[in-house]
């Protein structure tokens, strides 16, 4: 995710996190800019954190797009950490 429509690189100042889906594409987790736990090389403080989720139920009529969608985003403290 980026706050710039033109600059989508991970090393950019505009980069704010990642979105990952489950196999079916009905659940999406939103992560901050930390690194993947499998690639972090022991630096536990640099591991990415889950900062939100999007869940939706498929449309029963087969048309594209969700029928019901739930978005979960936590409240944040003034220092930017989730409560």
Protein backbone atom coordinates (compact mmCIF):
# COMPACT_ATOMS: atom_id res chain seq x y z
CA UNK A 1 0.00 0.00 0.00
CA UNK A 2 1.18 3.46 -0.77
CA UNK A 3 -0.11 6.98 -0.27
CA UNK A 4 1.22 7.84 -3.72
CA UNK A 5 -0.42 6.58 -6.90
CA UNK A 6 2.89 6.90 -8.78
CA UNK A 7 5.45 5.56 -6.28
CA UNK A 8 4.64 2.01 -5.15
CA UNK A 9 8.12 0.77 -4.14
CA UNK A 10 8.75 -0.67 -0.66
CA UNK A 11 11.70 1.66 -0.08
CA UNK A 12 9.63 4.78 -0.80
CA UNK A 13 8.57 7.31 1.85
CA UNK A 14 5.03 6.75 0.51
CA UNK A 15 5.01 3.03 1.41
CA UNK A 16 2.69 2.36 4.38
CA UNK A 17 2.27 -1.42 4.42
CA UNK A 18 1.18 -4.66 2.74
CA UNK A 19 -2.09 -6.44 2.12
CA UNK A 20 -2.11 -10.26 1.97
CA UNK A 21 -5.08 -12.48 1.07
CA UNK A 22 -6.05 -15.99 2.01
CA UNK A 23 -6.27 -18.73 -0.66
CA UNK A 24 -9.91 -17.96 -1.52
CA UNK A 25 -9.42 -14.20 -1.63
CA UNK A 26 -12.14 -13.58 0.94
CA UNK A 27 -9.87 -12.53 3.83
CA UNK A 28 -7.21 -9.85 3.65
CA UNK A 29 -4.76 -8.91 6.40
CA UNK A 30 -3.15 -5.46 6.48
CA UNK A 31 0.42 -5.21 7.77
CA UNK A 32 2.65 -2.27 8.64
CA UNK A 33 6.07 -1.63 7.05
CA UNK A 34 7.96 -4.22 9.15
CA UNK A 35 9.68 -7.22 7.57
CA UNK A 36 8.36 -10.74 6.98
CA UNK A 37 9.04 -12.91 10.08
CA UNK A 38 10.60 -15.59 7.86
CA UNK A 39 13.09 -13.07 6.41
CA UNK A 40 13.84 -10.88 9.45
CA UNK A 41 17.03 -12.69 10.52
CA UNK A 42 16.40 -12.68 14.26
CA UNK A 43 15.53 -8.99 14.69
CA UNK A 44 12.19 -9.44 16.48
CA UNK A 45 11.64 -5.66 16.76
CA UNK A 46 11.61 -5.31 12.96
CA UNK A 47 8.88 -7.94 12.35
CA UNK A 48 5.74 -6.58 10.69
CA UNK A 49 2.56 -6.20 12.71
CA UNK A 50 -1.01 -6.86 11.67
CA UNK A 51 -2.84 -3.52 11.70
CA UNK A 52 -6.17 -4.43 10.13
CA UNK A 53 -8.29 -6.95 8.28
CA UNK A 54 -10.94 -7.05 5.55
CA UNK A 55 -13.39 -9.97 5.37
CA UNK A 56 -16.13 -10.44 2.84
CA UNK A 57 -18.72 -12.99 1.84
CA UNK A 58 -18.99 -13.87 -1.82
CA UNK A 59 -22.05 -12.82 -3.76
CA UNK A 60 -24.45 -15.76 -4.02
CA UNK A 61 -25.61 -14.76 -7.51
CA UNK A 62 -22.12 -15.14 -8.94
CA UNK A 63 -21.57 -11.53 -9.92
CA UNK A 64 -18.21 -10.02 -9.13
CA UNK A 65 -17.63 -8.14 -5.92
CA UNK A 66 -18.50 -8.75 -2.29
CA UNK A 67 -21.98 -9.07 -0.87
CA UNK A 68 -21.08 -8.21 2.74
CA UNK A 69 -17.81 -6.66 3.79
CA UNK A 70 -16.32 -6.13 7.26
CA UNK A 71 -13.27 -3.92 7.80
CA UNK A 72 -11.33 -4.07 11.08
CA UNK A 73 -8.87 -1.31 11.93
CA UNK A 74 -7.74 -0.76 15.54
CA UNK A 75 -7.59 2.55 17.37
CA UNK A 76 -4.09 3.99 17.53
CA UNK A 77 -2.23 5.73 20.33
CA UNK A 78 -0.74 9.22 19.67
CA UNK A 79 2.68 7.60 19.07
CA UNK A 80 1.25 5.53 16.20
CA UNK A 81 1.03 2.15 17.98
CA UNK A 82 -2.26 0.21 17.94
CA UNK A 83 -4.17 0.00 21.25
